[in-house]
Amino acid sequence: MTQRLELHQVEQLSACRISLLLGLNAEQNYIEQFFRFSVRLLKCQKALLTFNQEPYFWHHCPEGMTAISFKPSRHLKQCFAKQQVIHHDHPSYQNLINYLKELNIECGRALAVHLVQPDQTSMGFAVFFDDGETNFENDQIQLLLDYCSSFMQQIELKFNYEELNELYEQQVALNSSKTKFFSIISHDLRAPFHGLLGFSEVLAKERETLDESSIQNIADYLYDTSQSTYNLLESLLTWAMAEGGRFVYHPINFKLRQVSNIVCDVLHTLALKKNIELVNAVSEDLKIYADINMMTSVIQNLVSNALKFTDVDGSGKVFIEAKQAGTNVEITVRDTGLGMTEQQMANLFHPRITASFKGTAGEKGAGLGLSLCKRFIEINQGQISVSSKEGVGTTFKVLLPSAQESHETLIEHHDSSEAKLV
């Protein structure tokens, strides 16, 4: 079924990544520029442009630009037969005419161009048509191909710029967070390490002079101090990131797989030690718009807790998954562990509750704490939920905004040149 829409009626705009990258809704619309130059070059009146994996055709005519929602019976790419142009001499020219008829387009002449990247990867195609009866001239077609090649290079530059901008934003966020974070914790963590280093040095250099009782006392001290220092670090993280503007909230576009890879790398040894299979099933294509440091902490905490409460008999599994959910991305961390009671779930995100339950290997502590995870997610305009069944396992679901298109993100960052403090 063919449906013609005004641009403001388009509902699946978020699925049109390339079109948005080219400024479909921006003041500088490169798609409109492509249409205007191409139809003037060919001396025709109408044109279509579509990109692979996008749900719309962009239709240009003297009255303006509209969108066509259409699911063709076959892909036009099949008609090109390894050539870049379909014109009146092409064996598939009639197939092109029939294709346009499926779009409710009648025309006297038509010309289709396969849009390919410099590495010959298919990007989409453009079709030019009107009621004229004279064929397009070869010189016109060659000039059009040269222009299309430049257009594809422009798209590639846009992609490269977007990727470089995201890397830059990530580095800025990382540097800002490091500066803020270490300025808070450097003093508070220094004191315990004096004792840890001192007694460690005694063990390393004077062990022969110590009896068994002294060694045990030092070991107990080292363990207790390490545990208390770890708990102190938890408290400092909670305080630094969640209280009184002590953490920089710097949302950027980034691939979710980056975070899941980091988390799996960090927790891989723990998973092996507990004989638990850790599965990273996050797609490379999914992007979210959030603070990358906060989301790394959240997902690491959820996975760490999942490993903590999953059986060590070799049957345990922990999964990190994600999928597109409208304008959001739904992240799932699920395990095949002990599960929880209704009462435990009711108190799970209480800001004053700290986990006192021991894990399946006697672990203590609960990472950054689920209350802090909830706070981070709310700061990032997201939601978190949990479902669990005793003896079956627990599933956490986090809903976060999908990545914003780069032109929107850049506008927002220009309006507020500094990251927010939360």
Protein backbone atom coordinates (compact mmCIF):
# COMPACT_ATOMS: atom_id res chain seq x y z
CA MET A 1 0.00 0.00 0.00
CA THR A 2 1.33 3.42 -1.04
CA GLN A 3 0.78 6.40 1.26
CA ARG A 4 1.94 9.93 0.52
CA LEU A 5 2.72 12.07 3.56
CA GLU A 6 3.75 15.61 4.37
CA LEU A 7 7.09 15.69 6.18
CA HIS A 8 5.43 16.68 9.47
CA GLN A 9 3.25 13.54 9.23
CA VAL A 10 6.21 11.13 9.09
CA GLU A 11 6.06 8.91 12.20
CA GLN A 12 9.14 6.72 11.76
CA LEU A 13 11.61 9.55 11.41
CA SER A 14 13.97 8.04 14.00
CA ALA A 15 14.51 5.11 11.60
CA CYS A 16 15.79 7.48 8.89
CA ARG A 17 19.33 7.88 10.15
CA ILE A 18 20.99 8.89 6.88
CA SER A 19 18.21 11.30 5.97
CA LEU A 20 18.43 12.98 9.35
CA LEU A 21 22.20 13.10 9.04
CA LEU A 22 21.68 15.03 5.80
CA GLY A 23 19.51 17.57 7.60
CA LEU A 24 16.05 16.41 6.53
CA ASN A 25 14.42 18.62 9.18
CA ALA A 26 17.24 21.15 9.39
CA GLU A 27 17.56 24.56 7.79
CA GLN A 28 20.40 23.28 5.61
CA ASN A 29 18.70 20.30 3.96
CA TYR A 30 21.20 18.44 1.76
CA ILE A 31 18.45 16.19 0.37
CA GLU A 32 16.62 19.24 -1.01
CA GLN A 33 19.91 20.51 -2.43
CA PHE A 34 20.50 17.13 -4.10
CA PHE A 35 17.05 17.23 -5.67
CA ARG A 36 17.31 20.83 -6.89
CA PHE A 37 20.70 20.39 -8.52
CA SER A 38 19.90 16.99 -10.08
CA VAL A 39 16.56 17.89 -11.67
CA ARG A 40 18.08 21.12 -13.02
CA LEU A 41 20.97 19.13 -14.48
CA LEU A 42 18.67 16.61 -16.16
CA LYS A 43 16.02 19.21 -17.04
CA CYS A 44 13.29 17.08 -15.53
CA GLN A 45 10.60 17.89 -12.99
CA LYS A 46 10.35 15.08 -10.45
CA ALA A 47 12.59 12.76 -8.46
CA LEU A 48 12.66 10.09 -5.76
CA LEU A 49 15.40 9.35 -3.25
CA THR A 50 15.55 6.49 -0.77
CA PHE A 51 18.24 4.96 1.40
CA ASN A 52 18.59 1.28 2.28
CA GLN A 53 16.91 0.25 5.56
CA GLU A 54 14.84 3.46 5.68
CA PRO A 55 11.02 3.17 5.51
CA TYR A 56 10.34 6.14 3.19
CA PHE A 57 10.94 7.47 -0.30
CA TRP A 58 11.55 11.21 -0.45
CA HIS A 59 9.55 12.62 -3.37
CA HIS A 60 10.46 15.90 -5.07
CA CYS A 61 8.17 17.80 -7.43
CA PRO A 62 7.56 21.48 -8.29
CA GLU A 63 5.06 21.72 -5.42
CA GLY A 64 7.64 20.68 -2.84
CA MET A 65 8.97 17.60 -1.06
CA THR A 66 6.86 14.82 0.48
CA ALA A 67 7.38 11.32 1.88
CA ILE A 68 6.05 8.10 0.39
CA SER A 69 5.47 5.13 2.66
CA PHE A 70 5.71 2.04 0.50
CA LYS A 71 6.73 -1.61 0.69
CA PRO A 72 7.65 -2.69 -2.85
CA SER A 73 7.14 -6.23 -4.11
CA ARG A 74 10.85 -6.33 -5.00
CA HIS A 75 13.94 -4.22 -4.40
CA LEU A 76 14.97 -1.92 -7.23
CA LYS A 77 18.60 -2.88 -6.57
CA GLN A 78 17.90 -6.19 -8.33
CA CYS A 79 17.11 -4.35 -11.57
CA PHE A 80 20.46 -2.62 -12.01
CA ALA A 81 22.26 -5.83 -13.05
CA LYS A 82 25.65 -4.62 -11.75
CA GLN A 83 25.28 -1.30 -13.60
CA GLN A 84 24.91 2.04 -11.87
CA VAL A 85 22.25 3.50 -14.17
CA ILE A 86 18.93 2.30 -15.56
CA HIS A 87 17.92 4.35 -18.62
CA HIS A 88 15.95 3.78 -21.81
CA ASP A 89 18.56 1.35 -23.27
CA HIS A 90 18.86 -0.76 -20.11
CA PRO A 91 17.30 -4.27 -20.28
CA SER A 92 15.47 -3.59 -16.98
CA TYR A 93 14.02 -0.23 -18.05
CA GLN A 94 10.49 -1.63 -18.19
CA ASN A 95 10.96 -3.07 -14.70
CA LEU A 96 11.79 0.46 -13.54
CA ILE A 97 8.60 1.80 -15.14
CA ASN A 98 6.57 -0.98 -13.48
CA TYR A 99 8.27 -0.20 -10.16
CA LEU A 100 7.15 3.42 -10.42
CA LYS A 101 3.62 2.27 -11.24
CA GLU A 102 3.57 0.40 -7.92
CA LEU A 103 4.20 3.82 -6.38
CA ASN A 104 1.21 5.20 -8.34
CA ILE A 105 3.60 7.16 -10.55
CA GLU A 106 2.94 7.39 -14.29
CA CYS A 107 5.67 8.97 -16.41
CA GLY A 108 6.90 9.41 -19.96
CA ARG A 109 10.57 8.87 -19.16
CA ALA A 110 12.63 7.77 -16.17
CA LEU A 111 16.22 7.35 -15.06
CA ALA A 112 17.45 5.49 -11.95
CA VAL A 113 20.88 5.79 -10.32
CA HIS A 114 22.27 3.27 -7.85
CA LEU A 115 23.90 5.23 -5.01
CA VAL A 116 27.06 3.49 -3.86
CA GLN A 117 29.77 4.51 -1.39
CA PRO A 118 33.42 4.83 -2.49
CA ASP A 119 33.96 1.22 -1.35
CA GLN A 120 31.05 0.16 -3.61
CA THR A 121 28.69 -0.54 -0.72
CA SER A 122 25.07 0.07 -1.71
CA MET A 123 23.53 3.10 0.00
CA GLY A 124 20.22 3.50 -1.85
CA PHE A 125 19.00 4.87 -5.16
CA ALA A 126 17.56 7.95 -6.85
CA VAL A 127 14.97 8.01 -9.64
CA PHE A 128 14.30 10.97 -11.94
CA PHE A 129 11.17 11.15 -14.09
CA ASP A 130 8.54 13.36 -15.72
CA ASP A 131 6.08 13.35 -18.61
CA GLY A 132 8.71 14.18 -21.23
CA GLU A 133 9.22 11.94 -24.24
CA THR A 134 12.83 12.70 -25.17
CA ASN A 135 15.46 10.45 -23.63
CA PHE A 136 18.01 11.79 -21.18
CA GLU A 137 21.28 12.65 -22.91
CA ASN A 138 24.49 10.75 -22.18
CA ASP A 139 26.32 13.94 -21.19
CA GLN A 140 23.59 14.73 -18.68
CA ILE A 141 23.78 11.20 -17.25
CA GLN A 142 27.57 11.37 -16.86
CA LEU A 143 27.38 14.73 -15.08
CA LEU A 144 24.69 13.29 -12.80
CA LEU A 145 26.89 10.29 -11.95
CA ASP A 146 29.76 12.63 -11.07
CA TYR A 147 27.46 14.64 -8.83
CA CYS A 148 26.08 11.48 -7.17
CA SER A 149 29.64 10.37 -6.47
CA SER A 150 30.30 13.69 -4.72
CA PHE A 151 27.02 13.31 -2.83
CA MET A 152 28.11 9.89 -1.55
CA GLN A 153 31.45 11.30 -0.46
CA GLN A 154 29.56 14.00 1.42
CA ILE A 155 27.53 11.34 3.24
CA GLU A 156 30.72 9.46 4.13
CA LEU A 157 32.21 12.67 5.53
CA LYS A 158 29.05 13.21 7.57
CA PHE A 159 29.35 9.71 9.02
CA ASN A 160 33.03 10.22 9.82
CA TYR A 161 32.30 13.57 11.45
CA GLU A 162 29.54 12.04 13.56
CA GLU A 163 31.83 9.24 14.76
CA LEU A 164 34.70 11.64 15.52
CA ASN A 165 32.34 13.98 17.34
CA GLU A 166 31.03 11.12 19.48
CA LEU A 167 34.60 10.06 20.33
CA TYR A 168 35.44 13.65 21.23
CA GLU A 169 32.34 13.97 23.42
CA GLN A 170 33.22 10.72 25.18
CA GLN A 171 36.76 11.93 25.85
CA VAL A 172 35.51 15.27 27.19
CA ALA A 173 33.04 13.48 29.46
CA LEU A 174 35.72 11.08 30.66
CA ASN A 175 38.21 13.85 31.42
CA SER A 176 35.62 15.98 33.23
CA SER A 177 34.49 13.06 35.36
CA LYS A 178 38.06 12.03 36.20
CA THR A 179 38.98 15.53 37.37
CA LYS A 180 35.87 15.87 39.51
CA PHE A 181 36.02 12.37 40.89
CA PHE A 182 39.69 12.28 41.90
CA SER A 183 39.53 15.70 43.51
CA ILE A 184 36.98 14.23 45.93
CA ILE A 185 38.41 10.81 46.74
CA SER A 186 42.18 11.43 46.75
CA HIS A 187 42.38 12.59 50.36
CA ASP A 188 39.86 10.14 51.84
CA LEU A 189 41.45 7.06 50.32
CA ARG A 190 45.07 7.96 51.08
CA ALA A 191 44.97 7.30 54.84
CA PRO A 192 43.88 3.60 54.75
CA PHE A 193 46.58 2.81 52.22
CA HIS A 194 49.32 3.90 54.62
CA GLY A 195 48.36 0.96 56.84
CA LEU A 196 47.90 -1.42 53.92
CA LEU A 197 51.29 -0.57 52.45
CA GLY A 198 53.03 -0.62 55.82
CA PHE A 199 51.85 -4.09 56.86
CA SER A 200 52.28 -5.43 53.32
CA GLU A 201 55.91 -4.30 53.46
CA VAL A 202 56.36 -6.10 56.78
CA LEU A 203 55.04 -9.32 55.23
CA ALA A 204 57.19 -8.90 52.13
CA LYS A 205 60.50 -8.05 53.84
CA GLU A 206 60.30 -9.42 57.40
CA ARG A 207 58.20 -12.55 57.10
CA GLU A 208 60.99 -14.80 58.42
CA THR A 209 61.00 -12.90 61.72
CA LEU A 210 57.24 -13.32 62.28
CA ASP A 211 55.54 -16.20 64.01
CA GLU A 212 52.28 -17.73 62.78
CA SER A 213 50.18 -15.65 65.15
CA SER A 214 51.70 -12.36 63.95
CA ILE A 215 51.19 -13.32 60.33
CA GLN A 216 47.55 -14.14 61.05
CA ASN A 217 47.06 -10.81 62.84
CA ILE A 218 48.54 -8.91 59.90
CA ALA A 219 46.41 -10.89 57.45
CA ASP A 220 43.30 -10.09 59.48
CA TYR A 221 44.24 -6.42 59.54
CA LEU A 222 44.86 -6.35 55.79
CA TYR A 223 41.54 -8.05 55.09
CA ASP A 224 39.54 -5.82 57.43
CA THR A 225 41.20 -2.64 56.17
CA SER A 226 40.73 -3.67 52.54
CA GLN A 227 37.06 -4.39 53.21
CA SER A 228 36.51 -1.10 55.02
CA THR A 229 38.41 0.81 52.33
CA TYR A 230 36.25 -0.80 49.68
CA ASN A 231 33.15 0.20 51.62
CA LEU A 232 34.58 3.71 51.96
CA LEU A 233 35.04 3.83 48.21
CA GLU A 234 31.41 2.83 47.77
CA SER A 235 30.32 5.62 50.09
CA LEU A 236 32.54 8.14 48.34
CA LEU A 237 31.19 7.15 44.96
CA THR A 238 27.65 7.47 46.21
CA TRP A 239 28.36 10.84 47.77
CA ALA A 240 30.44 12.18 44.89
CA MET A 241 28.06 11.15 42.15
CA ALA A 242 24.66 11.57 43.74
CA GLU A 243 24.89 14.46 46.19
CA GLY A 244 25.14 18.21 45.84
CA GLY A 245 26.41 18.64 42.28
CA ARG A 246 29.41 16.39 42.79
CA PHE A 247 29.17 14.51 39.50
CA VAL A 248 29.20 15.90 35.97
CA TYR A 249 26.17 14.80 33.95
CA HIS A 250 27.37 14.81 30.36
CA PRO A 251 24.96 12.99 28.00
CA ILE A 252 26.30 11.97 24.59
CA ASN A 253 25.48 9.54 21.80
CA PHE A 254 27.39 6.26 22.09
CA LYS A 255 27.12 2.63 21.13
CA LEU A 256 25.72 0.54 23.97
CA ARG A 257 28.04 -2.29 22.96
CA GLN A 258 31.00 -0.15 24.12
CA VAL A 259 29.66 -0.24 27.68
CA SER A 260 28.69 -3.91 27.66
CA ASN A 261 32.17 -4.81 26.37
CA ILE A 262 33.81 -2.84 29.19
CA VAL A 263 31.59 -4.49 31.80
CA CYS A 264 32.27 -7.98 30.44
CA ASP A 265 36.02 -7.33 30.38
CA VAL A 266 35.96 -6.14 34.00
CA LEU A 267 33.78 -8.98 35.31
CA HIS A 268 35.08 -11.80 33.10
CA THR A 269 37.49 -13.08 35.76
CA LEU A 270 34.77 -13.12 38.42
CA ALA A 271 32.44 -15.03 36.09
CA LEU A 272 35.16 -17.61 35.39
CA LYS A 273 35.97 -17.93 39.08
CA LYS A 274 32.32 -18.66 39.87
CA ASN A 275 31.92 -20.94 36.83
CA ILE A 276 29.14 -18.72 35.42
CA GLU A 277 28.59 -18.07 31.71
CA LEU A 278 28.50 -14.31 31.01
CA VAL A 279 26.74 -13.59 27.69
CA ASN A 280 27.07 -10.20 25.96
CA ALA A 281 24.18 -10.17 23.46
CA VAL A 282 24.07 -6.41 22.80
CA SER A 283 23.95 -5.45 19.11
CA GLU A 284 26.70 -3.29 17.62
CA ASP A 285 24.07 -1.00 16.06
CA LEU A 286 22.21 0.14 19.17
CA LYS A 287 23.02 3.64 20.36
CA ILE A 288 21.73 5.53 23.38
CA TYR A 289 21.88 9.14 24.53
CA ALA A 290 23.13 9.18 28.11
CA ASP A 291 26.10 9.80 30.37
CA ILE A 292 28.50 7.00 29.42
CA ASN A 293 30.19 6.91 32.84
CA MET A 294 26.91 6.65 34.73
CA MET A 295 25.61 3.93 32.43
CA THR A 296 28.84 1.95 32.72
CA SER A 297 28.45 2.07 36.51
CA VAL A 298 24.79 1.04 36.32
CA ILE A 299 25.30 -1.93 34.01
CA GLN A 300 28.41 -3.06 35.85
CA ASN A 301 26.50 -2.96 39.14
CA LEU A 302 23.57 -4.93 37.72
CA VAL A 303 25.84 -7.57 36.17
CA SER A 304 27.98 -7.74 39.32
CA ASN A 305 24.89 -8.37 41.43
CA ALA A 306 23.66 -10.97 38.95
CA LEU A 307 26.98 -12.82 39.23
CA LYS A 308 26.90 -12.47 43.00
CA PHE A 309 23.56 -14.27 43.34
CA THR A 310 23.98 -16.91 40.62
CA ASP A 311 24.87 -20.53 41.41
CA VAL A 312 28.47 -21.69 41.08
CA ASP A 313 27.65 -25.27 40.02
CA GLY A 314 28.32 -24.59 36.33
CA SER A 315 24.68 -24.15 35.33
CA GLY A 316 24.51 -20.41 36.03
CA LYS A 317 24.18 -17.84 33.26
CA VAL A 318 24.05 -14.04 33.19
CA PHE A 319 22.85 -12.23 30.06
CA ILE A 320 23.25 -8.62 28.91
CA GLU A 321 20.71 -7.89 26.17
CA ALA A 322 19.18 -4.86 24.49
CA LYS A 323 16.60 -3.97 21.85
CA GLN A 324 15.01 -0.94 20.25
CA ALA A 325 11.73 0.07 21.93
CA GLY A 326 10.25 2.95 19.95
CA THR A 327 12.28 6.07 20.70
CA ASN A 328 14.05 4.26 23.54
CA VAL A 329 16.42 1.34 24.00
CA GLU A 330 15.52 -1.39 26.48
CA ILE A 331 18.52 -2.92 28.25
CA THR A 332 18.04 -6.24 30.04
CA VAL A 333 20.33 -7.88 32.60
CA ARG A 334 19.00 -11.28 33.61
CA ASP A 335 20.38 -14.24 35.52
CA THR A 336 19.48 -17.81 36.39
CA GLY A 337 20.30 -17.27 40.03
CA LEU A 338 18.62 -17.38 43.43
CA GLY A 339 15.84 -14.92 42.67
CA MET A 340 14.08 -12.68 45.22
CA THR A 341 10.95 -12.57 47.33
CA GLU A 342 8.26 -9.92 46.84
CA GLN A 343 9.43 -8.19 50.02
CA GLN A 344 13.03 -8.04 48.83
CA MET A 345 11.93 -6.52 45.52
CA ALA A 346 9.76 -3.96 47.32
CA ASN A 347 12.79 -2.66 49.26
CA LEU A 348 15.29 -3.01 46.45
CA PHE A 349 15.59 0.64 45.41
CA HIS A 350 15.06 2.18 48.85
CA PRO A 351 17.73 4.89 49.25
CA ARG A 352 18.63 3.77 52.79
CA ILE A 353 18.76 0.07 52.10
CA THR A 354 22.15 -1.55 51.59
CA ALA A 355 22.37 -5.17 50.58
CA SER A 356 23.31 -7.35 53.53
CA PHE A 357 22.73 -10.69 51.83
CA LYS A 358 25.75 -12.82 51.02
CA GLY A 359 26.27 -14.08 47.51
CA THR A 360 26.56 -17.68 46.41
CA ALA A 361 30.31 -17.55 47.15
CA GLY A 362 29.98 -15.54 50.35
CA GLU A 363 30.54 -12.15 48.67
CA LYS A 364 29.84 -8.95 50.55
CA GLY A 365 28.89 -5.53 49.23
CA ALA A 366 26.64 -4.51 46.34
CA GLY A 367 28.76 -2.37 44.04
CA LEU A 368 27.45 1.17 43.72
CA GLY A 369 24.10 0.19 45.16
CA LEU A 370 20.80 -0.19 43.37
CA SER A 371 19.48 3.05 44.82
CA LEU A 372 22.33 4.90 43.12
CA CYS A 373 21.67 2.98 39.89
CA LYS A 374 18.07 4.17 40.01
CA ARG A 375 19.24 7.73 40.58
CA PHE A 376 21.64 7.58 37.64
CA ILE A 377 18.94 6.18 35.37
CA GLU A 378 16.46 8.87 36.38
CA ILE A 379 19.08 11.57 35.74
CA ASN A 380 19.41 10.14 32.23
CA GLN A 381 15.63 10.34 31.63
CA GLY A 382 15.25 6.57 31.97
CA GLN A 383 13.39 3.97 33.98
CA ILE A 384 14.37 0.74 35.75
CA SER A 385 12.18 -2.21 36.69
CA VAL A 386 12.75 -5.67 38.14
CA SER A 387 11.04 -9.03 38.01
CA SER A 388 12.16 -12.11 39.91
CA LYS A 389 11.16 -15.56 41.02
CA GLU A 390 12.85 -17.50 43.78
CA GLY A 391 14.92 -20.38 42.44
CA VAL A 392 14.53 -19.18 38.83
CA GLY A 393 16.37 -15.89 38.56
CA THR A 394 16.08 -12.12 38.33
CA THR A 395 15.62 -9.74 35.41
CA PHE A 396 16.39 -6.01 35.48
CA LYS A 397 15.14 -3.84 32.62
CA VAL A 398 16.44 -0.34 31.97
CA LEU A 399 14.76 1.99 29.47
CA LEU A 400 16.92 4.83 28.11
CA PRO A 401 16.55 7.34 25.24
CA SER A 402 17.88 6.33 21.84
CA ALA A 403 20.76 8.30 20.38
CA GLN A 404 19.84 11.72 19.10
CA GLU A 405 20.82 12.70 15.58
CA SER A 406 24.06 14.63 15.48
CA HIS A 407 22.62 17.93 14.24
CA GLU A 408 20.16 17.99 17.14
CA THR A 409 22.86 17.06 19.65
CA LEU A 410 25.22 19.74 18.38
CA ILE A 411 22.52 22.40 18.66
CA GLU A 412 21.82 21.37 22.24
CA HIS A 413 25.50 21.47 23.17
CA HIS A 414 25.94 24.90 21.60
CA ASP A 415 23.05 26.20 23.68
CA SER A 416 24.56 24.88 26.91
CA SER A 417 28.33 24.89 26.53
CA GLU A 418 28.92 23.14 29.83
CA ALA A 419 27.80 19.78 31.13
CA LYS A 420 25.17 19.78 33.86
CA LEU A 421 25.98 19.17 37.52
CA VAL A 422 23.52 16.87 39.28
